Amino acid sequence: MSQVPLTARGAEKLREELDRLKRVERPRVIEAIAEARAHGDLKENAEYHAAREQQGFIEGRIKEIEGKLSNAQIIDVTKLDAGGRVVFGATVRVLELDTDAEHCYQIVGEDEADLKEGKISIGSPIARCLIGKSEGDLASVEAPGGIREFEILEVQYL
């Protein structure tokens, strides 16, 4: 597996989720399985089957997070010196030329992407068109509704 870029904040969130799954969720579901077993016949015990299914989900998520963290290339955005260029982890304020709407995006790893928070995946078309550009540059991206053009107003490494 190749290394996956991840911001320091994103890695911390994954570690917190992993800790919660191991220290809170896993013991809770083990207790639920034990309680359901105490009720007798396991073949027709819906609580037992639901708890086992939840245990499988939790264990799968734990393995997934551990795999991501072990293959992560953690990048501390605050220590970047990219000379004002848009790079992974940068926060970019852009002006959409067609609509005169301003947007602020942080370019993050796939697991961290959340458009509601202004975090876009490095693999997204908008991020790919912005990478390598500097303040004042124009960038265009082919979208389903046509070509969207952006002017880069500001690049920050927060």
Protein backbone atom coordinates (compact mmCIF):
# COMPACT_ATOMS: atom_id res chain seq x y z
CA MET A 1 0.00 0.00 0.00
CA SER A 2 1.32 3.44 -0.84
CA GLN A 3 1.52 6.26 1.65
CA VAL A 4 -1.60 8.38 2.08
CA PRO A 5 -1.23 12.08 2.89
CA LEU A 6 -2.91 13.18 6.10
CA THR A 7 -2.80 16.48 7.97
CA ALA A 8 -1.67 16.45 11.60
CA ARG A 9 -5.21 17.42 12.66
CA GLY A 10 -6.70 14.59 10.59
CA ALA A 11 -4.31 12.06 12.10
CA GLU A 12 -5.21 13.26 15.59
CA LYS A 13 -8.93 12.83 14.87
CA LEU A 14 -8.31 9.26 13.65
CA ARG A 15 -6.28 8.49 16.79
CA GLU A 16 -9.11 9.84 18.98
CA GLU A 17 -11.67 7.69 17.14
CA LEU A 18 -9.41 4.64 17.48
CA ASP A 19 -9.00 5.26 21.21
CA ARG A 20 -12.78 5.66 21.66
CA LEU A 21 -13.47 2.46 19.73
CA LYS A 22 -10.95 0.47 21.77
CA ARG A 23 -11.70 1.88 25.22
CA VAL A 24 -15.45 2.58 25.06
CA GLU A 25 -17.22 0.88 22.16
CA ARG A 26 -15.42 -2.49 22.18
CA PRO A 27 -16.00 -3.15 25.94
CA ARG A 28 -19.63 -2.01 25.62
CA VAL A 29 -20.39 -4.45 22.80
CA ILE A 30 -18.56 -7.31 24.56
CA GLU A 31 -20.76 -6.69 27.60
CA ALA A 32 -23.87 -6.68 25.38
CA ILE A 33 -22.84 -10.03 23.85
CA ALA A 34 -22.29 -11.55 27.29
CA GLU A 35 -25.70 -10.29 28.46
CA ALA A 36 -27.42 -11.64 25.34
CA ARG A 37 -25.73 -15.05 25.84
CA ALA A 38 -27.14 -15.19 29.33
CA HIS A 39 -30.66 -15.08 27.87
CA GLY A 40 -30.27 -18.59 26.48
CA ASP A 41 -30.90 -19.92 22.95
CA LEU A 42 -28.57 -18.00 20.60
CA LYS A 43 -30.27 -19.11 17.36
CA GLU A 44 -33.32 -16.94 17.91
CA ASN A 45 -31.72 -14.25 20.04
CA ALA A 46 -31.91 -11.00 18.03
CA GLU A 47 -29.96 -9.02 20.64
CA TYR A 48 -27.06 -11.46 20.39
CA HIS A 49 -26.97 -11.27 16.60
CA ALA A 50 -27.21 -7.47 16.63
CA ALA A 51 -24.37 -7.22 19.16
CA ARG A 52 -22.20 -9.62 17.12
CA GLU A 53 -22.87 -7.56 13.98
CA GLN A 54 -21.92 -4.38 15.81
CA GLN A 55 -18.77 -6.07 17.12
CA GLY A 56 -17.80 -6.97 13.56
CA PHE A 57 -18.31 -3.36 12.47
CA ILE A 58 -16.22 -2.01 15.36
CA GLU A 59 -13.38 -4.49 14.78
CA GLY A 60 -13.41 -3.70 11.06
CA ARG A 61 -13.25 0.04 11.72
CA ILE A 62 -10.38 -0.45 14.21
CA LYS A 63 -8.38 -2.37 11.59
CA GLU A 64 -9.19 0.25 8.94
CA ILE A 65 -8.00 3.14 11.12
CA GLU A 66 -4.86 1.28 12.21
CA GLY A 67 -4.07 0.58 8.55
CA LYS A 68 -4.59 4.20 7.55
CA LEU A 69 -2.42 5.49 10.37
CA SER A 70 0.35 3.00 9.63
CA ASN A 71 0.42 4.06 5.96
CA ALA A 72 -0.10 7.78 6.58
CA GLN A 73 2.35 10.45 5.58
CA ILE A 74 1.48 13.03 8.24
CA ILE A 75 2.06 16.58 7.09
CA ASP A 76 2.14 19.44 9.58
CA VAL A 77 0.67 22.30 7.57
CA THR A 78 1.94 24.97 9.96
CA LYS A 79 5.55 24.03 9.19
CA LEU A 80 5.17 24.19 5.41
CA ASP A 81 7.10 26.74 3.43
CA ALA A 82 5.75 26.42 -0.09
CA GLY A 83 6.51 29.98 -1.12
CA GLY A 84 2.87 31.01 -1.39
CA ARG A 85 1.92 28.10 -3.66
CA VAL A 86 -1.09 25.89 -3.15
CA VAL A 87 0.05 22.53 -1.77
CA PHE A 88 -1.47 19.72 0.30
CA GLY A 89 -2.79 21.12 3.57
CA ALA A 90 -2.95 24.73 2.38
CA THR A 91 -6.06 26.81 3.00
CA VAL A 92 -7.03 28.65 -0.16
CA ARG A 93 -9.47 31.55 -0.53
CA VAL A 94 -10.78 31.74 -4.09
CA LEU A 95 -13.18 33.89 -6.07
CA GLU A 96 -15.43 32.02 -8.48
CA LEU A 97 -15.40 34.31 -11.49
CA ASP A 98 -18.81 33.35 -12.94
CA THR A 99 -20.76 33.96 -9.74
CA ASP A 100 -18.49 36.38 -7.82
CA ALA A 101 -18.79 33.97 -4.88
CA GLU A 102 -15.86 33.57 -2.50
CA HIS A 103 -14.98 30.11 -1.24
CA CYS A 104 -12.41 28.96 1.29
CA TYR A 105 -11.02 25.44 0.94
CA GLN A 106 -8.40 23.46 2.79
CA ILE A 107 -6.85 20.69 0.72
CA VAL A 108 -6.76 17.53 2.82
CA GLY A 109 -6.55 13.74 2.52
CA GLU A 110 -9.50 11.68 1.34
CA ASP A 111 -10.48 10.61 4.86
CA GLU A 112 -10.58 14.19 6.12
CA ALA A 113 -12.65 15.71 3.32
CA ASP A 114 -15.84 17.43 4.47
CA LEU A 115 -17.27 20.09 2.19
CA LYS A 116 -19.43 21.53 5.00
CA GLU A 117 -16.18 22.40 6.82
CA GLY A 118 -14.52 23.64 3.62
CA LYS A 119 -12.16 20.64 3.46
CA ILE A 120 -11.74 19.15 0.00
CA SER A 121 -9.90 15.97 -0.94
CA ILE A 122 -6.55 16.24 -2.70
CA GLY A 123 -8.05 13.99 -5.37
CA SER A 124 -11.01 16.27 -6.09
CA PRO A 125 -11.09 18.16 -9.40
CA ILE A 126 -11.03 21.57 -7.68
CA ALA A 127 -8.02 20.66 -5.53
CA ARG A 128 -6.16 19.25 -8.54
CA CYS A 129 -6.69 22.46 -10.51
CA LEU A 130 -5.49 24.61 -7.58
CA ILE A 131 -2.33 22.63 -6.68
CA GLY A 132 0.83 24.46 -7.71
CA LYS A 133 -0.88 27.80 -8.28
CA SER A 134 -0.14 31.02 -6.33
CA GLU A 135 -2.08 34.11 -5.24
CA GLY A 136 -3.43 36.00 -8.24
CA ASP A 137 -3.34 32.95 -10.54
CA LEU A 138 -6.42 31.71 -12.38
CA ALA A 139 -7.50 28.09 -12.25
CA SER A 140 -10.25 26.37 -14.19
CA VAL A 141 -11.94 23.05 -13.61
CA GLU A 142 -14.29 21.05 -15.80
CA ALA A 143 -17.49 20.47 -13.86
CA PRO A 144 -20.71 18.72 -14.92
CA GLY A 145 -22.34 22.14 -15.38
CA GLY A 146 -19.47 23.46 -17.50
CA ILE A 147 -16.08 25.01 -16.85
CA ARG A 148 -15.71 26.85 -13.52
CA GLU A 149 -12.98 29.46 -13.21
CA PHE A 150 -11.40 30.60 -9.97
CA GLU A 151 -9.01 33.39 -9.03
CA ILE A 152 -6.78 32.56 -6.09
CA LEU A 153 -7.09 35.39 -3.56
CA GLU A 154 -5.07 34.03 -0.66
CA VAL A 155 -3.01 30.98 0.31
CA GLN A 156 -2.41 30.20 3.99
CA TYR A 157 -0.72 27.38 5.88
CA LEU A 158 -2.82 27.15 9.04
